[in-house]
Every structure is written in structure tokens, then in C-alpha cells.
Protein backbone atom coordinates (compact mmCIF):
# COMPACT_ATOMS: atom_id res chain seq x y z
CA MET A 1 129.12 -33.38 -34.31
CA GLU A 2 129.02 -35.98 -31.58
CA ARG A 3 132.25 -37.50 -30.48
CA ASP A 4 131.48 -39.34 -27.80
CA VAL A 5 131.51 -42.18 -28.60
CA TRP A 6 134.79 -43.30 -31.25
CA VAL A 7 135.80 -46.35 -33.16
CA VAL A 8 139.17 -47.60 -33.52
CA ASP A 9 140.55 -50.20 -35.97
CA SER A 10 143.80 -50.58 -38.16
CA THR A 11 144.12 -51.47 -41.77
CA PRO A 12 146.85 -52.59 -43.47
CA VAL A 13 149.17 -50.11 -45.94
CA GLU A 14 150.98 -52.65 -48.58
CA CYS A 15 154.13 -50.87 -49.54
CA GLY A 16 155.34 -53.25 -52.83
CA ARG A 17 153.70 -56.84 -53.81
CA SER A 18 156.95 -58.11 -55.80
CA ARG A 19 159.81 -60.30 -53.62
CA GLU A 20 161.83 -58.02 -56.41
CA THR A 21 160.42 -54.25 -54.84
CA VAL A 22 160.58 -55.80 -51.51
CA LYS A 23 164.50 -56.30 -51.81
CA ARG A 24 165.44 -53.54 -53.14
CA SER A 25 163.58 -50.60 -51.45
CA ASP A 26 164.25 -47.63 -49.47
CA LEU A 27 161.62 -48.67 -47.06
CA ALA A 28 163.66 -51.87 -46.65
CA GLY A 29 163.33 -52.14 -41.95
CA TRP A 30 160.58 -50.53 -41.25
CA PRO A 31 157.94 -52.18 -43.38
CA GLU A 32 156.88 -55.94 -42.70
CA TYR A 33 155.24 -58.95 -43.96
CA GLY A 34 151.95 -59.12 -42.05
CA TYR A 35 148.47 -61.37 -42.59
CA CYS A 36 145.66 -58.74 -43.33
CA ALA A 37 142.45 -61.22 -42.26
CA SER A 38 139.68 -59.82 -43.25
CA HIS A 39 140.93 -60.14 -47.24
CA SER A 40 142.39 -63.59 -45.59
CA ARG A 41 146.36 -62.72 -47.84
CA ILE A 42 149.78 -62.03 -46.53
CA PHE A 43 151.33 -58.69 -47.41
CA TRP A 44 154.42 -56.56 -47.24
CA GLY A 45 153.45 -52.55 -45.17
CA LEU A 46 152.91 -51.19 -42.63
CA ARG A 47 149.36 -50.68 -41.17
CA LEU A 48 147.34 -47.73 -40.21
CA HIS A 49 145.99 -47.33 -36.58
CA LEU A 50 142.80 -45.55 -36.62
CA VAL A 51 140.53 -43.65 -33.84
CA CYS A 52 137.56 -42.18 -35.17
CA THR A 53 133.92 -40.82 -34.32
CA LEU A 54 131.93 -42.49 -35.33
CA GLN A 55 131.26 -40.49 -38.52
CA GLY A 56 135.21 -40.96 -39.37
CA LEU A 57 136.69 -37.58 -37.81
CA PRO A 58 140.53 -39.18 -37.39
CA ILE A 59 141.19 -38.65 -33.20
CA ALA A 60 144.70 -40.36 -33.63
CA PHE A 61 146.64 -42.31 -35.97
CA ALA A 62 149.44 -44.24 -35.94
CA LEU A 63 151.36 -45.74 -38.44
CA THR A 64 153.51 -48.87 -37.21
CA GLY A 65 155.03 -52.11 -39.08
CA ALA A 66 152.08 -54.81 -40.30
CA LYS A 67 152.83 -56.50 -37.17
CA ALA A 68 152.57 -54.24 -34.07
CA ASP A 69 150.40 -55.45 -31.47
CA GLU A 70 147.05 -52.89 -32.18
CA ARG A 71 146.46 -53.16 -27.92
CA GLU A 72 149.72 -51.72 -27.58
CA THR A 73 149.67 -49.51 -30.38
CA LEU A 74 146.06 -48.09 -28.87
CA LEU A 75 147.75 -47.56 -25.57
CA ASP A 76 150.44 -45.67 -26.80
CA LEU A 77 148.22 -43.09 -29.27
CA LEU A 78 146.14 -42.64 -25.76
CA ALA A 79 149.21 -41.91 -23.16
CA ALA A 80 150.69 -39.91 -26.42
CA GLU A 81 147.71 -37.92 -27.05
CA CYS A 82 147.01 -37.76 -23.27
CA GLU A 83 144.56 -34.48 -23.42
CA LEU A 84 142.31 -36.51 -25.75
CA LEU A 85 141.14 -38.64 -22.36
CA ARG A 86 141.31 -35.60 -19.99
CA GLU A 87 139.19 -33.46 -22.06
CA ARG A 88 136.79 -36.48 -22.18
CA PRO A 89 135.97 -38.05 -19.11
CA ARG A 90 134.00 -41.69 -19.71
CA GLN A 91 134.66 -41.82 -23.14
CA THR A 92 133.18 -44.98 -25.04
CA LEU A 93 135.91 -46.79 -27.43
CA ILE A 94 134.05 -49.49 -30.03
CA GLY A 95 136.76 -51.76 -31.02
CA ASP A 96 137.11 -55.10 -32.88
CA LYS A 97 138.33 -59.31 -31.20
CA ASN A 98 141.51 -57.49 -31.13
CA TYR A 99 141.10 -55.72 -28.03
CA PHE A 100 141.17 -57.81 -25.49
CA GLY A 101 142.13 -58.96 -22.77
CA ARG A 102 141.82 -58.00 -18.04
CA GLY A 103 145.30 -55.92 -18.26
CA PHE A 104 144.64 -53.76 -21.63
CA GLU A 105 140.82 -53.62 -20.11
CA ARG A 106 142.07 -53.01 -16.88
CA GLU A 107 144.55 -50.19 -18.10
CA LEU A 108 141.76 -48.78 -20.67
CA SER A 109 139.64 -47.99 -17.61
CA GLU A 110 142.64 -46.49 -15.66
CA HIS A 111 142.48 -43.69 -18.76
CA GLY A 112 138.71 -43.07 -18.59
CA VAL A 113 138.54 -45.21 -21.67
CA GLN A 114 135.01 -47.80 -21.57
CA LEU A 115 135.50 -50.37 -24.20
CA LEU A 116 133.13 -52.39 -26.02
CA ARG A 117 134.25 -54.78 -28.43
CA PRO A 118 132.56 -58.16 -29.44
CA ALA A 119 132.90 -61.52 -27.78
CA ARG A 120 136.25 -63.91 -28.27
CA LYS A 121 135.37 -67.41 -29.30
CA GLY A 122 134.95 -69.13 -25.62
CA GLU A 123 133.51 -65.60 -24.04
CA ARG A 124 130.09 -64.89 -21.88
CA GLU A 125 128.63 -62.36 -24.30
CA ARG A 126 129.82 -58.74 -23.82
CA PRO A 127 127.64 -56.14 -23.03
CA GLY A 128 126.62 -54.10 -26.37
CA ALA A 129 126.59 -57.19 -28.52
CA ALA A 130 123.59 -56.64 -30.69
CA LEU A 131 124.54 -52.89 -31.97
CA PHE A 132 128.08 -54.40 -33.01
CA LYS A 133 127.34 -55.72 -36.36
CA LEU A 134 126.43 -52.66 -37.59
CA LEU A 135 129.01 -50.62 -35.36
CA ARG A 136 131.30 -53.17 -37.40
CA GLN A 137 129.28 -52.19 -40.46
CA VAL A 138 130.67 -48.01 -39.21
CA ILE A 139 134.05 -49.06 -39.31
CA GLU A 140 134.91 -50.88 -42.03
CA SER A 141 133.37 -48.13 -43.99
CA ILE A 142 136.16 -45.78 -42.52
CA ASN A 143 138.49 -48.16 -43.75
CA GLU A 144 136.83 -48.49 -47.03
CA THR A 145 136.90 -44.27 -47.49
CA PHE A 146 140.90 -44.53 -47.42
CA LYS A 147 141.14 -47.08 -49.39
CA GLY A 148 138.80 -46.91 -51.75
CA GLN A 149 138.38 -43.29 -52.58
CA LEU A 150 140.92 -41.67 -50.80
CA ASP A 151 143.53 -44.45 -52.93
CA LEU A 152 145.40 -45.18 -49.31
CA GLU A 153 146.74 -48.94 -50.65
CA ARG A 154 148.36 -47.33 -54.49
CA HIS A 155 150.08 -44.51 -52.26
CA ARG A 156 153.23 -44.72 -54.49
CA GLY A 157 154.66 -44.00 -51.18
CA ARG A 158 159.07 -45.45 -52.21
CA THR A 159 160.58 -43.62 -49.26
CA PRO A 160 160.11 -43.15 -45.25
CA GLY A 161 159.25 -39.56 -45.52
CA GLY A 162 157.31 -40.14 -48.55
CA VAL A 163 155.01 -42.88 -47.48
CA ILE A 164 153.73 -40.93 -43.82
CA ALA A 165 153.32 -37.42 -46.35
CA ARG A 166 151.14 -39.13 -48.72
CA VAL A 167 148.99 -41.45 -45.69
CA MET A 168 148.78 -38.37 -43.87
CA GLN A 169 148.02 -36.59 -47.24
CA ARG A 170 144.56 -38.26 -46.97
CA ILE A 171 143.88 -38.45 -43.27
CA LEU A 172 144.35 -34.59 -44.01
CA ALA A 173 141.98 -34.81 -46.77
CA LEU A 174 139.54 -36.68 -44.91
CA THR A 175 139.16 -34.34 -41.61
CA ALA A 176 139.25 -31.75 -43.68
CA ALA A 177 135.97 -33.12 -46.55
CA ILE A 178 134.36 -33.98 -42.74
CA TRP A 179 135.31 -30.89 -41.05
CA HIS A 180 133.80 -28.54 -44.42
CA ASN A 181 130.47 -30.97 -44.16
CA ASP A 182 129.86 -29.82 -40.62
CA ALA A 183 130.22 -26.49 -40.87
CA THR A 184 127.94 -26.70 -43.64
CA GLY A 185 125.53 -28.06 -42.48
CA GLN A 186 125.79 -31.72 -44.80
CA THR A 187 123.65 -34.47 -43.47
CA VAL A 188 126.48 -37.08 -44.35
CA LEU A 189 129.51 -35.91 -43.17
CA ARG A 190 131.76 -38.77 -44.32
CA SER A 191 130.88 -37.91 -47.99
CA LEU A 192 133.49 -36.79 -50.47
CA ILE A 193 131.49 -36.40 -53.56
CA ALA A 194 131.22 -33.02 -53.74
CA TYR A 195 135.24 -33.08 -53.66
CA ASP A 196 135.63 -35.81 -56.53
CA HIS A 197 136.49 -33.77 -59.51
């Protein structure tokens, strides 16, 4: 399996919609109100931060409050899983426009990570700009697998332990499917159709 390029992104994990649910939830204090730009909506919940291969295999993940800074979370993930980078010098990481900043990129570079991302408004064009539309689709399709096929948004967790268990179930299910598809020589590794009964 190709593992020299990783993608990084975060996706909302909604924990309730009504004001009453928010007020009486056992989750109070962990989920936050956050904004989902891709759906143009405010949500109450958490954010799942994922580092994956291009095939969708989860490498590292974190579950944070909805307002957590994606850059800080990524740096924390890489610090917590430092052997990942030790085993893979000069790792390439593809992210969206939210992974920006000279200090942030310098810190990634010190860890041996080359960040590729689209230019923000007012920035000059960055290397690899022609590939970002295609690669953005890869990142979004991984999130869609979690949400559409594995029902991440309808996890029904009511306690912190319940939410964590249900999110981890989905990550493990995708990991197992990709591993099995790779081990059996399937051409599409992230396909869950064979397990959809």
C-alpha cells in the first residue's frame, strides 16, 4: 500500500441539534458550538481530526471540541505519535487552506514533514496547485465514507465514553475493511460494498 503521502482534514461530529438536548446532555462541557464551512452551518458537537493515506487508511486521529485549532491538533497528533515520522523521513502531508502559517510550516519542517496546501487569498501560488482539486476530492471522499457509509453523524452516543467508543468503532471498521481489501488484492481499497449486508 502506498504510504508516502498523507492527507489531513477534520470533520464535524454532531452531538445534538435541539437546545434542550444541549442543555440536558451528559456530554456538556466537551462538545462546543462550531462552524462547518463545507455545509455552511453551525453545529453542536466535536471535531474528528484525521491523518490518512490517499487510500483512506487512518494513520492518526483525534477527537476534540468543535473550536479546536486544526494546526495545533495536527502538531499534537504528530508529537503524540512521534514514531510515525521517525519511520518515514520526509513525509508529504496534504491539507486544506486551514493548515497555514510560517511558524506552523516551520515546525512541520523540523519534524521532516513537507506540507502541500492550496494558497490562501492574497498568497502567491504554491507548489502542486494544479493537483489540489483532485486531491481535495480524495480528502472529502474519505470524510464522506465515514459520514455516508459508516453513519458517523448518527453515532447516538450520549456520554463521553459512548461517543468515543462509537467514533472508534467507525475508524476501526474502515481500517479493517482497507486492510482486508489490500490483503485480498482488491483494486479499490476503501470499498465497503462487500461488507454492506
